[in-house]
């Protein structure tokens, strides 16, 4: 493994944590997983986005920053590290949920913290069709996602695509996961890992696998 710090990204339900766990197991890597359930405002946010957006976003921002700082202090490069979130993506959600005044205040905090976070060696951006994402969210049955807004998810998918279409901070591998199951299908899993291993340092690379045959 040429990479020391790998980040897996993508919209809600795309399989970030699943792939992070898989890679950590395969390469005996340290895992850095975002603990979404610890946000005390998240359930209320899904009920009333406008009322609870700022509290939800600031909690995520500060929580992620603290986790990143702890990671850096533990000597990031002593082992391969896999994370299921990119710190810089936090602003994607902020732009979708905050009004102009809230976003202005948020940006002041974000701009102070962002330069103090270590950049990954590569980002793996997972994509999937909206119907696939909704199915995966429903299947995992998290209580706070029970009233999940499909319209919000569609906005989020577009925002993610826009963000990564302009992303140049690190090498980037874009993966279409709509028709594969890398968790339960070995051929899908090995194909994806091979694509990750082959991705050259620098630039943007794409992996658009065809669905493997299943019994």
Foldseek 3Di string as FASTA:
>chain_A
DPWQEEEEEEFAQLQLVVVLVVVCVVFVAAEDEDPLVPQPLLLVCQVPLQVRVLSSLVVSLVVVLVSQVVCVVVPSRPGRYYYSDDSVCSVLSVVLRDDPVSNVVVVVVCVVRVVVGDDTQEYEYEDADLVNSVVSLVVVDDPSCPSPDSVSRVSSNVSVVVVVVPDFPFEYEYEYCHQEDLNPDVVRVVVVVVVVVPRDGGDYHYDYDDYDDDD
